[in-house]
Each structure stands twice: as structure tokens, then as C-alpha cells.
Amino acid sequence: MLHRTTETDNRIAGPVDIGSAQGEVSGVKESQLAALLTPILTQHGLELDALESVPAGKRRLLRVTVDGDGPDGHGPSLDDISEATRAISTALDDTDAVGDAAYTLEVSSRGTGRPLTEPKHWRRNQDRLVKITPNVGEPVTGRITASDDDGATLSVLVDPKKQTTEDQRWAYADIAKAMVQVELNRKNEEGNL
């Protein structure tokens, strides 16, 4: 996960998730804060994925999680996030959207710890190893080789001794949970899941 943290003299209060419809941030509706941040992120080729505020000592921590295609189609770069962080900080300082108490702003990418929940997440993680927990059956681990609006194709290791794989097509509707698996030493592109 890429992130940049900056401190400022403003503050927001209360945990908020961008997915909830009724969230408030220090008396400001979540939708108003999202409306402020969304055009800024769009200018930087990013989109708002989640928004959260938590206590952090005498301050509040405002976490803004972003996503986007990035220069290589696999998510935002550290430079993308850094530029967006500066723009968000300036916008928050120039408005009263978060009140006047101290807060710390943290802007980060989705990272590998968040589940794949939308077709764009699958597309951005193509060629990565993913563990699927299906609605019915045993978990499956494979490399994403293709994806579209309806599902994804995984290259699944079926014989570890022979290093043989088979392609399996999974409809998103059949997947209860999907998580990218961190690979610390992927040896090569040929024959390795």
C-alpha cells in the first residue's frame, strides 16, 4: 500500500466509510466531503475508495483511500498519491469542510489487504496471485489472467510436481471473497503461480 501522511490544523470527527449513506464527519455529511474530494482526485487520475476518521490522541486521523489505473494500469503510483495529498490538504485548509480542530491527513492506495469487490479491482490486479473463497466449495488460489464485467479467469496450479496449470473461469457472483496474495520472491513468469 502506498501512502503519504500530512498534518494540518483542521479536524474531523467520527468514523466514516464512503460506502455508508448516512455518515457524518464533524457535522458535515460524508457526501459533502466526498463531493469536495472527488473532483480533486479525478484531476489526478484517481477515485475515492474509502473515507474514515478515527481518534489519534488529541487529533483525528482522516484516512482517504484512493484507487485508480496509474501509469501502468495496475494502480496509482507514489507520485500520484503525493500530488493528490497536497491538493486535498490545500482544499481542506481552504474550506470549513472538516471544522477547525487539528487533524492528520493520510492518503493511501487500496493496497493488497483489501478484497477485490469490483471488476476494476480484478483488472488492476491482472497477473497477480489471488485466493478466492467461493460461495460453495473449497478456496482456490490462482493467477488472474483475464477479467471482464462478469468474472475473471485464473490460472490454477493443478499438479505441483509437473507445474501444470489449468484456466478456471469464475463469475463474480460465485465468489464470496477474493484477496490478492503477497509474493515475496516470484522466480519467473514461466510456469510459476
N, C-alpha and C. Protein backbone atom coordinates (compact mmCIF):
# COMPACT_ATOMS: atom_id res chain seq x y z
N MET A 1 0.85 -1.16 0.00
CA MET A 1 0.00 0.00 0.00
C MET A 1 0.90 1.23 0.00
N LEU A 2 0.61 2.16 -0.88
CA LEU A 2 1.34 3.40 -0.95
C LEU A 2 0.57 4.44 -0.15
N HIS A 3 1.29 5.25 0.62
CA HIS A 3 0.58 6.28 1.35
C HIS A 3 1.49 7.46 1.63
N ARG A 4 0.85 8.58 1.93
CA ARG A 4 1.54 9.79 2.31
C ARG A 4 0.73 10.40 3.44
N THR A 5 1.41 10.88 4.46
CA THR A 5 0.72 11.47 5.61
C THR A 5 1.15 12.92 5.74
N THR A 6 0.20 13.77 6.06
CA THR A 6 0.49 15.18 6.30
C THR A 6 -0.32 15.64 7.50
N GLU A 7 0.18 16.58 8.24
CA GLU A 7 -0.57 17.10 9.39
C GLU A 7 -1.07 18.49 9.06
N THR A 8 -2.22 18.83 9.59
CA THR A 8 -2.80 20.13 9.36
C THR A 8 -3.52 20.57 10.63
N ASP A 9 -4.01 21.78 10.65
CA ASP A 9 -4.62 22.34 11.85
C ASP A 9 -6.13 22.12 11.91
N ASN A 10 -6.71 21.41 10.96
CA ASN A 10 -8.14 21.15 10.99
C ASN A 10 -8.41 19.76 11.52
N ARG A 11 -9.69 19.46 11.76
CA ARG A 11 -10.04 18.17 12.34
C ARG A 11 -11.42 17.73 11.87
N ILE A 12 -11.58 16.41 11.77
CA ILE A 12 -12.90 15.86 11.56
C ILE A 12 -13.16 14.85 12.65
N ALA A 13 -14.40 14.47 12.84
CA ALA A 13 -14.73 13.54 13.92
C ALA A 13 -15.67 12.45 13.43
N GLY A 14 -15.52 11.26 14.02
CA GLY A 14 -16.43 10.15 13.75
C GLY A 14 -15.99 9.25 12.63
N PRO A 15 -16.03 7.92 12.85
CA PRO A 15 -15.65 7.01 11.79
C PRO A 15 -16.65 7.05 10.64
N VAL A 16 -16.13 7.03 9.42
CA VAL A 16 -16.97 7.12 8.24
C VAL A 16 -16.43 6.16 7.20
N ASP A 17 -17.30 5.48 6.51
CA ASP A 17 -16.92 4.66 5.37
C ASP A 17 -17.68 5.20 4.17
N ILE A 18 -16.98 5.41 3.08
CA ILE A 18 -17.60 6.03 1.92
C ILE A 18 -18.78 5.22 1.41
N GLY A 19 -18.86 3.95 1.76
CA GLY A 19 -19.96 3.12 1.32
C GLY A 19 -21.25 3.35 2.09
N SER A 20 -21.20 3.98 3.27
CA SER A 20 -22.43 4.18 4.04
C SER A 20 -23.14 5.45 3.57
N ALA A 21 -24.45 5.42 3.56
CA ALA A 21 -25.21 6.53 3.01
C ALA A 21 -25.44 7.64 4.02
N GLN A 22 -25.42 7.34 5.30
CA GLN A 22 -25.81 8.32 6.30
C GLN A 22 -24.64 8.87 7.11
N GLY A 23 -23.39 8.61 6.73
CA GLY A 23 -22.24 9.02 7.52
C GLY A 23 -22.10 10.52 7.65
N GLU A 24 -21.63 10.97 8.81
CA GLU A 24 -21.33 12.37 9.01
C GLU A 24 -19.92 12.51 9.51
N VAL A 25 -19.27 13.59 9.12
CA VAL A 25 -17.91 13.89 9.54
C VAL A 25 -17.95 15.28 10.17
N SER A 26 -17.89 15.35 11.49
CA SER A 26 -17.91 16.61 12.22
C SER A 26 -19.08 17.50 11.78
N GLY A 27 -20.27 16.91 11.67
CA GLY A 27 -21.44 17.68 11.29
C GLY A 27 -21.58 17.86 9.78
N VAL A 28 -20.58 17.51 9.02
CA VAL A 28 -20.64 17.62 7.57
C VAL A 28 -20.97 16.24 7.03
N LYS A 29 -21.97 16.16 6.19
CA LYS A 29 -22.33 14.86 5.64
C LYS A 29 -21.17 14.31 4.83
N GLU A 30 -21.02 13.02 4.95
CA GLU A 30 -19.97 12.31 4.22
C GLU A 30 -20.04 12.63 2.73
N SER A 31 -21.25 12.72 2.21
CA SER A 31 -21.41 13.00 0.78
C SER A 31 -20.84 14.37 0.43
N GLN A 32 -20.91 15.35 1.35
CA GLN A 32 -20.35 16.67 1.08
C GLN A 32 -18.82 16.61 1.04
N LEU A 33 -18.23 15.86 1.98
CA LEU A 33 -16.78 15.72 1.98
C LEU A 33 -16.32 14.95 0.74
N ALA A 34 -17.05 13.90 0.40
CA ALA A 34 -16.73 13.14 -0.82
C ALA A 34 -16.86 14.03 -2.04
N ALA A 35 -17.87 14.91 -2.06
CA ALA A 35 -18.06 15.83 -3.19
C ALA A 35 -16.89 16.80 -3.31
N LEU A 36 -16.29 17.18 -2.19
CA LEU A 36 -15.12 18.05 -2.21
C LEU A 36 -13.90 17.31 -2.74
N LEU A 37 -13.72 16.06 -2.30
CA LEU A 37 -12.52 15.30 -2.65
C LEU A 37 -12.56 14.70 -4.05
N THR A 38 -13.73 14.29 -4.51
CA THR A 38 -13.84 13.57 -5.78
C THR A 38 -13.27 14.34 -6.97
N PRO A 39 -13.61 15.62 -7.18
CA PRO A 39 -13.04 16.33 -8.33
C PRO A 39 -11.51 16.49 -8.23
N ILE A 40 -11.01 16.63 -7.03
CA ILE A 40 -9.56 16.75 -6.84
C ILE A 40 -8.89 15.45 -7.25
N LEU A 41 -9.44 14.34 -6.79
CA LEU A 41 -8.88 13.04 -7.13
C LEU A 41 -8.99 12.77 -8.62
N THR A 42 -10.11 13.14 -9.22
CA THR A 42 -10.31 12.94 -10.65
C THR A 42 -9.24 13.69 -11.45
N GLN A 43 -8.89 14.90 -11.03
CA GLN A 43 -7.84 15.68 -11.70
C GLN A 43 -6.50 14.95 -11.67
N HIS A 44 -6.31 14.09 -10.69
CA HIS A 44 -5.05 13.35 -10.54
C HIS A 44 -5.18 11.91 -11.04
N GLY A 45 -6.27 11.61 -11.75
CA GLY A 45 -6.46 10.27 -12.29
C GLY A 45 -6.79 9.23 -11.24
N LEU A 46 -7.37 9.67 -10.12
CA LEU A 46 -7.69 8.77 -9.01
C LEU A 46 -9.18 8.81 -8.71
N GLU A 47 -9.62 7.87 -7.90
CA GLU A 47 -11.01 7.85 -7.43
C GLU A 47 -11.03 7.54 -5.95
N LEU A 48 -12.06 8.03 -5.28
CA LEU A 48 -12.21 7.81 -3.84
C LEU A 48 -12.72 6.40 -3.60
N ASP A 49 -11.97 5.63 -2.81
CA ASP A 49 -12.35 4.25 -2.49
C ASP A 49 -12.97 4.16 -1.10
N ALA A 50 -12.40 4.87 -0.12
CA ALA A 50 -12.93 4.85 1.25
C ALA A 50 -12.50 6.12 1.97
N LEU A 51 -13.28 6.48 2.97
CA LEU A 51 -13.03 7.67 3.76
C LEU A 51 -13.33 7.32 5.21
N GLU A 52 -12.38 7.60 6.12
CA GLU A 52 -12.54 7.22 7.52
C GLU A 52 -11.89 8.26 8.41
N SER A 53 -12.48 8.49 9.58
CA SER A 53 -11.90 9.37 10.58
C SER A 53 -11.87 8.62 11.91
N VAL A 54 -10.69 8.59 12.55
CA VAL A 54 -10.55 7.90 13.83
C VAL A 54 -9.78 8.78 14.80
N PRO A 55 -10.02 8.62 16.12
CA PRO A 55 -9.25 9.38 17.10
C PRO A 55 -7.78 8.98 17.06
N ALA A 56 -6.90 9.96 17.23
CA ALA A 56 -5.46 9.71 17.27
C ALA A 56 -4.85 10.66 18.30
N GLY A 57 -4.99 10.31 19.57
CA GLY A 57 -4.53 11.20 20.64
C GLY A 57 -5.41 12.43 20.70
N LYS A 58 -4.80 13.62 20.67
CA LYS A 58 -5.55 14.87 20.72
C LYS A 58 -6.04 15.30 19.34
N ARG A 59 -5.64 14.58 18.34
CA ARG A 59 -6.02 14.88 16.97
C ARG A 59 -7.00 13.83 16.45
N ARG A 60 -7.41 13.99 15.23
CA ARG A 60 -8.17 12.99 14.49
C ARG A 60 -7.30 12.56 13.31
N LEU A 61 -7.48 11.34 12.90
CA LEU A 61 -6.79 10.83 11.72
C LEU A 61 -7.83 10.70 10.61
N LEU A 62 -7.65 11.45 9.53
CA LEU A 62 -8.52 11.37 8.37
C LEU A 62 -7.82 10.49 7.34
N ARG A 63 -8.38 9.30 7.10
CA ARG A 63 -7.82 8.36 6.12
C ARG A 63 -8.63 8.45 4.83
N VAL A 64 -7.94 8.76 3.77
CA VAL A 64 -8.55 8.80 2.45
C VAL A 64 -7.88 7.69 1.64
N THR A 65 -8.65 6.69 1.26
CA THR A 65 -8.12 5.59 0.46
C THR A 65 -8.54 5.82 -0.98
N VAL A 66 -7.55 5.78 -1.88
CA VAL A 66 -7.80 6.06 -3.29
C VAL A 66 -7.47 4.84 -4.14
N ASP A 67 -7.97 4.87 -5.34
CA ASP A 67 -7.66 3.83 -6.32
C ASP A 67 -7.60 4.50 -7.68
N GLY A 68 -7.10 3.82 -8.64
CA GLY A 68 -7.01 4.34 -9.99
C GLY A 68 -6.13 3.43 -10.82
N ASP A 69 -6.11 3.68 -12.12
CA ASP A 69 -5.34 2.81 -13.01
C ASP A 69 -3.85 3.04 -12.92
N GLY A 70 -3.41 4.25 -12.65
CA GLY A 70 -1.98 4.53 -12.61
C GLY A 70 -1.37 4.44 -13.99
N PRO A 71 -0.09 4.76 -14.09
CA PRO A 71 0.57 4.81 -15.40
C PRO A 71 0.67 3.45 -16.10
N ASP A 72 0.69 2.36 -15.34
CA ASP A 72 0.84 1.03 -15.94
C ASP A 72 -0.44 0.21 -15.87
N GLY A 73 -1.54 0.83 -15.46
CA GLY A 73 -2.82 0.13 -15.38
C GLY A 73 -2.99 -0.73 -14.15
N HIS A 74 -2.07 -0.66 -13.21
CA HIS A 74 -2.11 -1.53 -12.02
C HIS A 74 -2.22 -0.75 -10.72
N GLY A 75 -2.81 0.42 -10.75
CA GLY A 75 -2.99 1.18 -9.53
C GLY A 75 -2.12 2.42 -9.49
N PRO A 76 -2.43 3.33 -8.57
CA PRO A 76 -1.72 4.61 -8.51
C PRO A 76 -0.28 4.47 -8.04
N SER A 77 0.57 5.37 -8.52
CA SER A 77 1.97 5.40 -8.10
C SER A 77 2.10 6.28 -6.85
N LEU A 78 3.25 6.21 -6.22
CA LEU A 78 3.52 7.05 -5.05
C LEU A 78 3.47 8.53 -5.44
N ASP A 79 3.94 8.87 -6.64
CA ASP A 79 3.87 10.25 -7.11
C ASP A 79 2.42 10.71 -7.26
N ASP A 80 1.56 9.84 -7.82
CA ASP A 80 0.14 10.17 -7.95
C ASP A 80 -0.46 10.50 -6.59
N ILE A 81 -0.17 9.67 -5.62
CA ILE A 81 -0.73 9.83 -4.28
C ILE A 81 -0.17 11.08 -3.60
N SER A 82 1.11 11.33 -3.78
CA SER A 82 1.75 12.50 -3.19
C SER A 82 1.13 13.80 -3.72
N GLU A 83 0.95 13.88 -5.03
CA GLU A 83 0.35 15.07 -5.63
C GLU A 83 -1.09 15.25 -5.16
N ALA A 84 -1.84 14.17 -5.11
CA ALA A 84 -3.23 14.24 -4.66
C ALA A 84 -3.31 14.66 -3.19
N THR A 85 -2.39 14.18 -2.37
CA THR A 85 -2.37 14.54 -0.95
C THR A 85 -2.19 16.04 -0.77
N ARG A 86 -1.26 16.62 -1.51
CA ARG A 86 -1.05 18.08 -1.42
C ARG A 86 -2.31 18.84 -1.82
N ALA A 87 -2.95 18.41 -2.90
CA ALA A 87 -4.16 19.09 -3.37
C ALA A 87 -5.31 18.93 -2.37
N ILE A 88 -5.46 17.75 -1.80
CA ILE A 88 -6.51 17.52 -0.80
C ILE A 88 -6.26 18.37 0.44
N SER A 89 -5.02 18.41 0.91
CA SER A 89 -4.67 19.20 2.09
C SER A 89 -5.00 20.67 1.87
N THR A 90 -4.64 21.19 0.71
CA THR A 90 -4.93 22.59 0.39
C THR A 90 -6.43 22.84 0.37
N ALA A 91 -7.19 21.95 -0.26
CA ALA A 91 -8.64 22.12 -0.34
C ALA A 91 -9.28 22.07 1.04
N LEU A 92 -8.83 21.16 1.89
CA LEU A 92 -9.39 21.07 3.24
C LEU A 92 -9.04 22.31 4.07
N ASP A 93 -7.83 22.83 3.88
CA ASP A 93 -7.43 24.04 4.60
C ASP A 93 -8.20 25.28 4.13
N ASP A 94 -8.58 25.29 2.84
CA ASP A 94 -9.27 26.44 2.26
C ASP A 94 -10.78 26.44 2.51
N THR A 95 -11.30 25.36 3.09
CA THR A 95 -12.74 25.29 3.35
C THR A 95 -12.95 24.96 4.83
N ASP A 96 -14.19 25.03 5.25
CA ASP A 96 -14.51 24.63 6.62
C ASP A 96 -15.13 23.23 6.64
N ALA A 97 -14.83 22.44 5.63
CA ALA A 97 -15.44 21.11 5.48
C ALA A 97 -15.15 20.18 6.64
N VAL A 98 -14.05 20.39 7.34
CA VAL A 98 -13.69 19.48 8.44
C VAL A 98 -13.59 20.19 9.78
N GLY A 99 -14.13 21.38 9.88
CA GLY A 99 -14.08 22.09 11.15
C GLY A 99 -12.75 22.80 11.35
N ASP A 100 -12.47 23.20 12.60
CA ASP A 100 -11.26 23.99 12.84
C ASP A 100 -10.30 23.38 13.86
N ALA A 101 -10.52 22.14 14.27
CA ALA A 101 -9.61 21.47 15.20
C ALA A 101 -8.54 20.70 14.41
N ALA A 102 -7.49 20.27 15.10
CA ALA A 102 -6.36 19.61 14.45
C ALA A 102 -6.71 18.20 13.95
N TYR A 103 -6.14 17.86 12.80
CA TYR A 103 -6.28 16.50 12.28
C TYR A 103 -5.04 16.13 11.48
N THR A 104 -4.83 14.85 11.29
CA THR A 104 -3.76 14.34 10.44
C THR A 104 -4.41 13.72 9.22
N LEU A 105 -3.93 14.08 8.05
CA LEU A 105 -4.45 13.56 6.79
C LEU A 105 -3.55 12.44 6.31
N GLU A 106 -4.15 11.29 6.01
CA GLU A 106 -3.41 10.16 5.45
C GLU A 106 -4.10 9.74 4.17
N VAL A 107 -3.36 9.78 3.08
CA VAL A 107 -3.90 9.37 1.78
C VAL A 107 -3.12 8.15 1.34
N SER A 108 -3.82 7.06 1.00
CA SER A 108 -3.13 5.83 0.61
C SER A 108 -3.91 5.11 -0.48
N SER A 109 -3.22 4.17 -1.12
CA SER A 109 -3.88 3.32 -2.12
C SER A 109 -4.60 2.18 -1.41
N ARG A 110 -5.38 1.43 -2.16
CA ARG A 110 -6.12 0.29 -1.60
C ARG A 110 -5.19 -0.74 -1.00
N GLY A 111 -4.05 -0.98 -1.62
CA GLY A 111 -3.13 -1.98 -1.11
C GLY A 111 -3.65 -3.39 -1.34
N THR A 112 -2.89 -4.36 -0.88
CA THR A 112 -3.26 -5.76 -1.09
C THR A 112 -4.15 -6.30 0.02
N GLY A 113 -4.34 -5.55 1.08
CA GLY A 113 -5.13 -6.04 2.20
C GLY A 113 -6.63 -5.88 2.04
N ARG A 114 -7.06 -5.27 0.96
CA ARG A 114 -8.50 -5.06 0.74
C ARG A 114 -9.01 -6.06 -0.29
N PRO A 115 -10.20 -6.58 -0.10
CA PRO A 115 -10.72 -7.58 -1.04
C PRO A 115 -11.03 -6.99 -2.41
N LEU A 116 -10.98 -7.85 -3.42
CA LEU A 116 -11.38 -7.47 -4.77
C LEU A 116 -12.89 -7.55 -4.83
N THR A 117 -13.55 -6.42 -5.00
CA THR A 117 -15.02 -6.40 -4.93
C THR A 117 -15.67 -5.89 -6.21
N GLU A 118 -14.90 -5.32 -7.12
CA GLU A 118 -15.46 -4.77 -8.35
C GLU A 118 -14.62 -5.21 -9.54
N PRO A 119 -15.20 -5.26 -10.74
CA PRO A 119 -14.43 -5.67 -11.92
C PRO A 119 -13.14 -4.87 -12.12
N LYS A 120 -13.17 -3.57 -11.81
CA LYS A 120 -11.95 -2.77 -11.98
C LYS A 120 -10.83 -3.24 -11.05
N HIS A 121 -11.16 -3.75 -9.87
CA HIS A 121 -10.13 -4.26 -8.96
C HIS A 121 -9.44 -5.48 -9.58
N TRP A 122 -10.22 -6.34 -10.22
CA TRP A 122 -9.66 -7.52 -10.87
C TRP A 122 -8.75 -7.10 -12.03
N ARG A 123 -9.22 -6.14 -12.83
CA ARG A 123 -8.43 -5.67 -13.98
C ARG A 123 -7.10 -5.08 -13.51
N ARG A 124 -7.13 -4.30 -12.46
CA ARG A 124 -5.92 -3.65 -11.97
C ARG A 124 -4.95 -4.63 -11.32
N ASN A 125 -5.42 -5.82 -11.00
CA ASN A 125 -4.56 -6.83 -10.37
C ASN A 125 -4.26 -8.00 -11.29
N GLN A 126 -4.46 -7.80 -12.59
CA GLN A 126 -4.15 -8.86 -13.54
C GLN A 126 -2.69 -9.27 -13.38
N ASP A 127 -2.43 -10.57 -13.53
CA ASP A 127 -1.12 -11.20 -13.38
C ASP A 127 -0.71 -11.38 -11.92
N ARG A 128 -1.54 -10.98 -10.99
CA ARG A 128 -1.24 -11.22 -9.58
C ARG A 128 -1.92 -12.50 -9.09
N LEU A 129 -1.35 -13.05 -8.03
CA LEU A 129 -1.90 -14.24 -7.41
C LEU A 129 -3.05 -13.83 -6.49
N VAL A 130 -4.16 -14.57 -6.56
CA VAL A 130 -5.33 -14.24 -5.77
C VAL A 130 -5.90 -15.52 -5.16
N LYS A 131 -6.41 -15.39 -3.94
CA LYS A 131 -7.08 -16.51 -3.28
C LYS A 131 -8.58 -16.20 -3.26
N ILE A 132 -9.34 -17.12 -3.85
CA ILE A 132 -10.79 -16.97 -3.92
C ILE A 132 -11.44 -17.90 -2.91
N THR A 133 -12.38 -17.35 -2.15
CA THR A 133 -13.25 -18.16 -1.31
C THR A 133 -14.61 -18.16 -2.02
N PRO A 134 -14.98 -19.29 -2.62
CA PRO A 134 -16.25 -19.32 -3.35
C PRO A 134 -17.45 -19.40 -2.42
N ASN A 135 -18.61 -19.07 -2.94
CA ASN A 135 -19.85 -19.21 -2.17
C ASN A 135 -20.07 -20.66 -1.78
N VAL A 136 -19.67 -21.58 -2.66
CA VAL A 136 -19.81 -23.01 -2.43
C VAL A 136 -18.50 -23.68 -2.81
N GLY A 137 -17.96 -24.52 -1.94
CA GLY A 137 -16.75 -25.25 -2.27
C GLY A 137 -15.53 -24.74 -1.52
N GLU A 138 -14.39 -25.31 -1.87
CA GLU A 138 -13.12 -25.01 -1.22
C GLU A 138 -12.44 -23.79 -1.84
N PRO A 139 -11.61 -23.08 -1.07
CA PRO A 139 -10.86 -21.95 -1.62
C PRO A 139 -9.94 -22.39 -2.77
N VAL A 140 -9.70 -21.46 -3.68
CA VAL A 140 -8.86 -21.70 -4.85
C VAL A 140 -7.87 -20.55 -4.95
N THR A 141 -6.61 -20.89 -5.23
CA THR A 141 -5.58 -19.87 -5.45
C THR A 141 -5.09 -19.97 -6.88
N GLY A 142 -5.03 -18.85 -7.56
CA GLY A 142 -4.56 -18.83 -8.94
C GLY A 142 -4.15 -17.43 -9.36
N ARG A 143 -3.55 -17.36 -10.52
CA ARG A 143 -3.09 -16.08 -11.06
C ARG A 143 -4.16 -15.53 -12.01
N ILE A 144 -4.51 -14.27 -11.85
CA ILE A 144 -5.51 -13.64 -12.71
C ILE A 144 -4.91 -13.47 -14.11
N THR A 145 -5.52 -14.11 -15.10
CA THR A 145 -5.03 -13.99 -16.48
C THR A 145 -5.94 -13.13 -17.34
N ALA A 146 -7.19 -12.98 -16.94
CA ALA A 146 -8.13 -12.14 -17.68
C ALA A 146 -9.30 -11.80 -16.77
N SER A 147 -9.97 -10.70 -17.10
CA SER A 147 -11.17 -10.33 -16.35
C SER A 147 -12.04 -9.43 -17.22
N ASP A 148 -13.33 -9.42 -16.92
CA ASP A 148 -14.27 -8.54 -17.60
C ASP A 148 -15.35 -8.15 -16.60
N ASP A 149 -16.46 -7.63 -17.08
CA ASP A 149 -17.51 -7.16 -16.18
C ASP A 149 -18.25 -8.28 -15.45
N ASP A 150 -18.13 -9.52 -15.94
CA ASP A 150 -18.89 -10.63 -15.36
C ASP A 150 -18.07 -11.57 -14.50
N GLY A 151 -16.76 -11.65 -14.74
CA GLY A 151 -15.94 -12.59 -14.00
C GLY A 151 -14.48 -12.52 -14.37
N ALA A 152 -13.71 -13.47 -13.84
CA ALA A 152 -12.27 -13.49 -14.06
C ALA A 152 -11.82 -14.91 -14.39
N THR A 153 -10.72 -14.99 -15.13
CA THR A 153 -10.09 -16.27 -15.43
C THR A 153 -8.81 -16.37 -14.63
N LEU A 154 -8.65 -17.50 -13.94
CA LEU A 154 -7.46 -17.75 -13.14
C LEU A 154 -6.69 -18.91 -13.72
N SER A 155 -5.38 -18.81 -13.69
CA SER A 155 -4.50 -19.94 -14.00
C SER A 155 -4.21 -20.61 -12.66
N VAL A 156 -4.74 -21.83 -12.49
CA VAL A 156 -4.68 -22.54 -11.21
C VAL A 156 -3.71 -23.72 -11.33
N LEU A 157 -2.80 -23.83 -10.40
CA LEU A 157 -1.85 -24.94 -10.36
C LEU A 157 -2.60 -26.22 -9.99
N VAL A 158 -2.58 -27.21 -10.90
CA VAL A 158 -3.30 -28.46 -10.64
C VAL A 158 -2.36 -29.61 -10.31
N ASP A 159 -1.10 -29.52 -10.72
CA ASP A 159 -0.11 -30.56 -10.41
C ASP A 159 1.20 -29.88 -10.04
N PRO A 160 1.46 -29.70 -8.73
CA PRO A 160 2.67 -29.00 -8.30
C PRO A 160 3.96 -29.67 -8.78
N LYS A 161 3.99 -30.99 -8.85
CA LYS A 161 5.22 -31.68 -9.29
C LYS A 161 5.54 -31.37 -10.73
N LYS A 162 4.54 -31.39 -11.59
CA LYS A 162 4.75 -31.13 -13.01
C LYS A 162 4.60 -29.65 -13.36
N GLN A 163 4.19 -28.85 -12.38
CA GLN A 163 3.95 -27.43 -12.58
C GLN A 163 2.92 -27.18 -13.69
N THR A 164 1.90 -28.03 -13.75
CA THR A 164 0.86 -27.84 -14.76
C THR A 164 -0.28 -27.01 -14.17
N THR A 165 -0.85 -26.20 -15.04
CA THR A 165 -1.94 -25.32 -14.63
C THR A 165 -3.14 -25.54 -15.54
N GLU A 166 -4.28 -25.07 -15.06
CA GLU A 166 -5.47 -25.04 -15.91
C GLU A 166 -6.17 -23.71 -15.69
N ASP A 167 -6.80 -23.22 -16.74
CA ASP A 167 -7.57 -21.99 -16.63
C ASP A 167 -8.94 -22.30 -16.07
N GLN A 168 -9.35 -21.51 -15.09
CA GLN A 168 -10.68 -21.65 -14.50
C GLN A 168 -11.38 -20.30 -14.59
N ARG A 169 -12.59 -20.31 -15.09
CA ARG A 169 -13.39 -19.10 -15.20
C ARG A 169 -14.29 -19.00 -13.98
N TRP A 170 -14.25 -17.85 -13.31
CA TRP A 170 -15.07 -17.62 -12.12
C TRP A 170 -15.97 -16.41 -12.35
N ALA A 171 -17.27 -16.59 -12.16
CA ALA A 171 -18.21 -15.48 -12.19
C ALA A 171 -18.12 -14.76 -10.84
N TYR A 172 -18.14 -13.43 -10.86
CA TYR A 172 -18.06 -12.68 -9.61
C TYR A 172 -19.18 -13.08 -8.65
N ALA A 173 -20.33 -13.41 -9.19
CA ALA A 173 -21.47 -13.79 -8.34
C ALA A 173 -21.20 -15.07 -7.56
N ASP A 174 -20.25 -15.89 -8.01
CA ASP A 174 -19.92 -17.15 -7.33
C ASP A 174 -18.80 -17.00 -6.30
N ILE A 175 -18.28 -15.78 -6.15
CA ILE A 175 -17.14 -15.54 -5.26
C ILE A 175 -17.61 -14.80 -4.01
N ALA A 176 -17.37 -15.41 -2.84
CA ALA A 176 -17.71 -14.77 -1.57
C ALA A 176 -16.65 -13.74 -1.19
N LYS A 177 -15.38 -14.08 -1.45
CA LYS A 177 -14.27 -13.19 -1.09
C LYS A 177 -13.08 -13.50 -1.98
N ALA A 178 -12.33 -12.46 -2.34
CA ALA A 178 -11.11 -12.64 -3.14
C ALA A 178 -10.05 -11.67 -2.62
N MET A 179 -8.88 -12.22 -2.30
CA MET A 179 -7.79 -11.41 -1.76
C MET A 179 -6.51 -11.64 -2.56
N VAL A 180 -5.82 -10.55 -2.90
CA VAL A 180 -4.52 -10.66 -3.55
C VAL A 180 -3.54 -11.26 -2.56
N GLN A 181 -2.71 -12.17 -3.02
CA GLN A 181 -1.71 -12.81 -2.18
C GLN A 181 -0.36 -12.13 -2.42
N VAL A 182 0.32 -11.79 -1.36
CA VAL A 182 1.62 -11.14 -1.46
C VAL A 182 2.67 -12.17 -1.86
N GLU A 183 3.44 -11.85 -2.88
CA GLU A 183 4.51 -12.73 -3.36
C GLU A 183 5.85 -12.04 -3.10
N LEU A 184 6.65 -12.64 -2.25
CA LEU A 184 7.93 -12.02 -1.92
C LEU A 184 9.04 -12.41 -2.88
N ASN A 185 8.96 -13.60 -3.48
CA ASN A 185 10.02 -14.00 -4.40
C ASN A 185 9.47 -14.81 -5.56
N ARG A 186 8.76 -14.14 -6.42
CA ARG A 186 8.25 -14.78 -7.63
C ARG A 186 9.44 -15.00 -8.55
N LYS A 187 9.76 -16.26 -8.83
CA LYS A 187 11.02 -16.59 -9.52
C LYS A 187 11.04 -16.17 -10.97
N ASN A 188 9.99 -16.46 -11.71
CA ASN A 188 9.95 -16.05 -13.10
C ASN A 188 8.51 -16.06 -13.59
N GLU A 189 8.33 -15.60 -14.80
CA GLU A 189 6.99 -15.52 -15.35
C GLU A 189 6.50 -16.86 -15.89
N GLU A 190 7.41 -17.75 -16.28
CA GLU A 190 7.04 -19.03 -16.89
C GLU A 190 6.85 -20.11 -15.84
N GLY A 191 5.69 -20.73 -15.82
CA GLY A 191 5.47 -21.91 -15.00
C GLY A 191 5.31 -21.69 -13.52
N ASN A 192 5.33 -20.47 -13.05
CA ASN A 192 5.16 -20.22 -11.62
C ASN A 192 3.84 -19.53 -11.37
N LEU A 193 3.12 -20.05 -10.42
CA LEU A 193 1.93 -19.35 -9.97
C LEU A 193 2.40 -18.44 -8.89
